Amino acid sequence: MNNKFDALKDDDSGDHDQDQGSPKDSEKEKIEDEDKDQNSTRKKMVVPGAGEHPLQYNYTFWYSRRTPGRPASTQSYEQNIKQIGSFASVEQFWRFYSHMIRPGDLTGHSDFHLFKEGIKPMWEDDANKMGGKWIIRLRKGLASRCWENLILAMLGEQFMVGEEICGAVVSVRFQEDIISIWNKTASDQATTARIRDTLRRVLNLPPNTIMEYKTHTDSIKSSV
């Protein structure tokens, strides 16, 4: 991996742990000061701390869990999805990630979502509704490694498709796990092909791995 994460990838269990997943006080002050000048109804934006490595975009971690076999309406899904927190720098990412359970250790019907800040991990979101996702079904035991490789590649801008990437999801199921990456424009075949090829490379997938592209329009129709 040749990006800003190289110097920090092996450092996630060191100094970052002392923050216990929350921004430093100086970062909080910076966020609050910035927000005073803005409309009070607008959401506070996270900002990199002094000396930190800023990401090209801010991102938000989400978590969801539901009872399998029970159909989920859009409303119940939105109520069930929980925001873990947002970050703007490499260091802030590691503060969250180093304290989060790994996908392979989740039980039941659970999902982690990592999306650009301001984009909800829902098909109906304005940023997602004309897009789709690449889906890879994994045998049990591979989800944690694949999820980490995928999100580091996404945060490190390895997909090289401009603003097309919306986010990524890892879905833990009883007999398999599913990794997916979402993009804005399903009709842009050149972009979706580049995402597919990059995904195959960063996950080091065998040549015979089945990769399925599904538009969110089709997902809504089938409610899968």
Protein backbone atom coordinates (compact mmCIF):
# COMPACT_ATOMS: atom_id res chain seq x y z
CA MET A 1 0.00 0.00 0.00
CA ASN A 2 1.60 3.18 -1.16
CA ASN A 3 -0.21 6.03 0.58
CA LYS A 4 -0.34 8.05 3.79
CA PHE A 5 -1.34 4.94 5.78
CA ASP A 6 2.04 3.26 5.28
CA ALA A 7 3.72 5.08 8.15
CA LEU A 8 0.77 4.58 10.48
CA LYS A 9 -0.60 1.14 9.67
CA ASP A 10 1.52 -0.65 12.27
CA ASP A 11 1.04 2.08 14.86
CA ASP A 12 -2.62 1.53 15.64
CA SER A 13 -2.00 -0.11 19.01
CA GLY A 14 0.37 2.54 20.36
CA ASP A 15 -0.17 6.18 21.19
CA HIS A 16 -3.62 6.27 19.62
CA ASP A 17 -5.10 4.00 22.29
CA GLN A 18 -4.83 6.65 24.97
CA ASP A 19 -7.57 8.65 23.26
CA GLN A 20 -10.11 5.86 23.78
CA GLY A 21 -11.80 6.54 20.45
CA SER A 22 -12.64 10.20 21.06
CA PRO A 23 -11.12 13.34 19.57
CA LYS A 24 -8.57 15.28 21.62
CA ASP A 25 -9.80 18.28 23.60
CA SER A 26 -8.06 20.65 21.19
CA GLU A 27 -9.94 19.07 18.30
CA LYS A 28 -13.25 19.42 20.13
CA GLU A 29 -12.53 23.10 20.78
CA LYS A 30 -11.66 23.61 17.15
CA ILE A 31 -14.91 21.98 16.06
CA GLU A 32 -16.96 24.04 18.50
CA ASP A 33 -15.29 27.33 17.56
CA GLU A 34 -15.88 26.65 13.89
CA ASP A 35 -19.50 25.82 14.49
CA LYS A 36 -20.29 29.04 16.38
CA ASP A 37 -20.10 30.98 13.13
CA GLN A 38 -22.45 28.65 11.29
CA ASN A 39 -26.17 28.03 11.37
CA SER A 40 -26.98 26.22 14.61
CA THR A 41 -28.99 23.57 12.77
CA ARG A 42 -25.98 22.46 10.73
CA LYS A 43 -24.06 19.41 11.87
CA LYS A 44 -20.60 19.99 13.31
CA MET A 45 -17.83 18.91 10.96
CA VAL A 46 -14.84 17.06 12.31
CA VAL A 47 -11.45 18.56 11.47
CA PRO A 48 -7.89 17.14 11.61
CA GLY A 49 -5.90 17.92 14.74
CA ALA A 50 -2.59 19.79 14.68
CA GLY A 51 0.11 17.75 12.97
CA GLU A 52 -2.29 15.03 11.84
CA HIS A 53 -2.53 13.55 8.35
CA PRO A 54 -5.80 14.82 6.81
CA LEU A 55 -7.87 12.54 4.61
CA GLN A 56 -9.24 13.77 1.30
CA TYR A 57 -12.78 13.31 2.64
CA ASN A 58 -14.33 13.02 6.08
CA TYR A 59 -15.91 9.63 6.85
CA THR A 60 -18.41 8.16 9.29
CA PHE A 61 -18.56 4.65 10.79
CA TRP A 62 -22.02 3.10 11.22
CA TYR A 63 -23.25 -0.19 12.72
CA SER A 64 -26.49 -2.09 12.22
CA ARG A 65 -27.95 -5.36 13.42
CA ARG A 66 -31.31 -6.95 12.79
CA THR A 67 -33.20 -10.18 13.32
CA PRO A 68 -32.79 -12.42 10.24
CA GLY A 69 -35.95 -13.42 8.43
CA ARG A 70 -37.81 -10.31 9.51
CA PRO A 71 -38.44 -7.98 6.54
CA ALA A 72 -36.94 -4.53 7.12
CA SER A 73 -38.77 -1.46 5.88
CA THR A 74 -36.83 1.66 4.98
CA GLN A 75 -38.08 3.32 8.17
CA SER A 76 -37.13 0.43 10.48
CA TYR A 77 -33.73 0.11 8.78
CA GLU A 78 -33.00 3.79 9.29
CA GLN A 79 -33.98 3.52 12.96
CA ASN A 80 -31.79 0.45 13.42
CA ILE A 81 -28.59 1.89 11.96
CA LYS A 82 -26.36 3.53 14.56
CA GLN A 83 -23.68 6.14 13.94
CA ILE A 84 -20.40 5.29 15.67
CA GLY A 85 -18.52 8.48 14.83
CA SER A 86 -16.81 10.60 12.19
CA PHE A 87 -13.17 11.33 11.48
CA ALA A 88 -11.09 13.62 9.26
CA SER A 89 -7.53 12.30 9.61
CA VAL A 90 -5.55 9.06 9.59
CA GLU A 91 -4.95 9.36 13.32
CA GLN A 92 -8.64 9.90 14.11
CA PHE A 93 -9.49 6.83 12.01
CA TRP A 94 -7.13 4.63 14.03
CA ARG A 95 -8.61 5.90 17.30
CA PHE A 96 -11.99 4.53 16.27
CA TYR A 97 -10.77 1.44 14.45
CA SER A 98 -8.37 0.21 17.16
CA HIS A 99 -11.26 0.03 19.64
CA MET A 100 -13.84 -1.54 17.32
CA ILE A 101 -14.57 -5.24 17.28
CA ARG A 102 -13.40 -6.95 14.09
CA PRO A 103 -16.06 -8.19 11.66
CA GLY A 104 -14.93 -11.79 12.11
CA ASP A 105 -15.78 -11.53 15.82
CA LEU A 106 -19.30 -10.18 15.29
CA THR A 107 -22.22 -12.53 15.80
CA GLY A 108 -25.61 -12.85 14.18
CA HIS A 109 -26.83 -10.59 11.39
CA SER A 110 -24.54 -7.54 11.74
CA ASP A 111 -23.06 -4.88 9.46
CA PHE A 112 -20.32 -2.26 9.65
CA HIS A 113 -20.60 0.66 7.21
CA LEU A 114 -17.95 3.26 6.42
CA PHE A 115 -19.30 6.12 4.29
CA LYS A 116 -18.25 9.62 3.39
CA GLU A 117 -19.60 12.05 5.93
CA GLY A 118 -23.04 13.29 4.92
CA ILE A 119 -23.95 10.09 3.02
CA LYS A 120 -26.23 7.64 4.82
CA PRO A 121 -25.58 3.95 4.08
CA MET A 122 -28.98 3.61 2.47
CA TRP A 123 -29.99 2.98 -1.16
CA GLU A 124 -32.38 5.93 -1.06
CA ASP A 125 -29.77 8.53 -0.06
CA ASP A 126 -29.35 11.19 -2.77
CA ALA A 127 -25.68 10.30 -3.23
CA ASN A 128 -26.47 6.60 -3.63
CA LYS A 129 -29.79 6.35 -5.47
CA MET A 130 -28.34 6.39 -9.00
CA GLY A 131 -25.46 4.11 -8.05
CA GLY A 132 -24.75 0.53 -7.21
CA LYS A 133 -22.32 -1.75 -5.45
CA TRP A 134 -19.78 -4.46 -6.12
CA ILE A 135 -20.54 -7.50 -3.97
CA ILE A 136 -18.11 -10.24 -2.94
CA ARG A 137 -19.30 -13.21 -0.89
CA LEU A 138 -16.61 -14.57 1.42
CA ARG A 139 -16.30 -17.83 3.25
CA LYS A 140 -16.20 -17.44 7.03
CA GLY A 141 -12.86 -16.36 8.45
CA LEU A 142 -11.88 -13.84 5.76
CA ALA A 143 -14.04 -10.84 6.63
CA SER A 144 -11.71 -9.06 9.07
CA ARG A 145 -8.68 -9.03 6.76
CA CYS A 146 -10.71 -8.14 3.66
CA TRP A 147 -12.58 -5.34 5.46
CA GLU A 148 -9.36 -3.75 6.72
CA ASN A 149 -7.72 -3.94 3.29
CA LEU A 150 -10.81 -2.49 1.64
CA ILE A 151 -11.28 0.49 3.95
CA LEU A 152 -7.57 1.37 3.98
CA ALA A 153 -7.60 1.35 0.17
CA MET A 154 -10.72 3.52 0.16
CA LEU A 155 -9.39 6.05 2.68
CA GLY A 156 -6.04 6.10 0.87
CA GLU A 157 -7.77 6.98 -2.44
CA GLN A 158 -6.45 3.89 -4.22
CA PHE A 159 -9.54 3.49 -6.42
CA MET A 160 -8.68 6.60 -8.47
CA VAL A 161 -12.27 7.31 -9.57
CA GLY A 162 -12.67 10.86 -8.31
CA GLU A 163 -15.73 11.35 -6.13
CA GLU A 164 -17.46 8.17 -7.30
CA ILE A 165 -16.88 6.12 -4.14
CA CYS A 166 -19.64 6.54 -1.53
CA GLY A 167 -18.66 3.95 1.04
CA ALA A 168 -18.15 0.31 1.93
CA VAL A 169 -20.04 -2.33 3.91
CA VAL A 170 -19.12 -5.61 5.56
CA SER A 171 -22.11 -7.84 6.31
CA VAL A 172 -21.70 -10.74 8.74
CA ARG A 173 -24.10 -13.60 8.17
CA PHE A 174 -24.40 -17.10 9.59
CA GLN A 175 -22.88 -19.07 6.72
CA GLU A 176 -20.94 -16.40 4.83
CA ASP A 177 -19.79 -12.81 5.03
CA ILE A 178 -20.28 -10.16 2.34
CA ILE A 179 -18.06 -7.23 1.39
CA SER A 180 -19.37 -4.45 -0.83
CA ILE A 181 -18.25 -1.06 -2.09
CA TRP A 182 -20.80 1.52 -3.22
CA ASN A 183 -20.41 4.09 -5.99
CA LYS A 184 -22.53 7.00 -7.24
CA THR A 185 -23.10 6.23 -10.92
CA ALA A 186 -24.17 2.73 -11.89
CA SER A 187 -24.36 3.63 -15.57
CA ASP A 188 -20.67 4.61 -15.77
CA GLN A 189 -19.25 1.27 -16.91
CA ALA A 190 -15.65 2.47 -17.16
CA THR A 191 -15.72 3.60 -13.54
CA THR A 192 -17.41 0.46 -12.25
CA ALA A 193 -14.84 -1.65 -14.12
CA ARG A 194 -11.97 0.29 -12.56
CA ILE A 195 -13.48 -0.17 -9.09
CA ARG A 196 -13.84 -3.91 -9.76
CA ASP A 197 -10.21 -4.26 -10.88
CA THR A 198 -8.89 -2.24 -7.92
CA LEU A 199 -11.04 -4.24 -5.52
CA ARG A 200 -9.65 -7.49 -6.92
CA ARG A 201 -6.10 -6.17 -6.46
CA VAL A 202 -6.39 -4.69 -2.94
CA LEU A 203 -8.17 -7.79 -1.63
CA ASN A 204 -5.75 -10.11 -3.48
CA LEU A 205 -8.68 -12.14 -4.76
CA PRO A 206 -8.17 -15.41 -6.64
CA PRO A 207 -8.87 -15.11 -10.41
CA ASN A 208 -12.00 -17.26 -10.15
CA THR A 209 -13.64 -15.11 -7.45
CA ILE A 210 -17.23 -14.23 -8.34
CA MET A 211 -17.88 -10.48 -8.22
CA GLU A 212 -21.44 -9.22 -8.71
CA TYR A 213 -22.45 -5.64 -9.51
CA LYS A 214 -25.94 -4.69 -8.40
CA THR A 215 -27.63 -1.33 -8.90
CA HIS A 216 -29.43 0.14 -5.91
CA THR A 217 -32.55 0.39 -8.06
CA ASP A 218 -32.50 -3.39 -8.42
CA SER A 219 -31.78 -3.77 -4.70
CA ILE A 220 -34.84 -1.69 -3.86
CA LYS A 221 -36.99 -3.76 -6.24
CA SER A 222 -35.87 -7.06 -4.75
CA SER A 223 -35.46 -5.67 -1.19
CA VAL A 224 -32.35 -7.81 -0.68
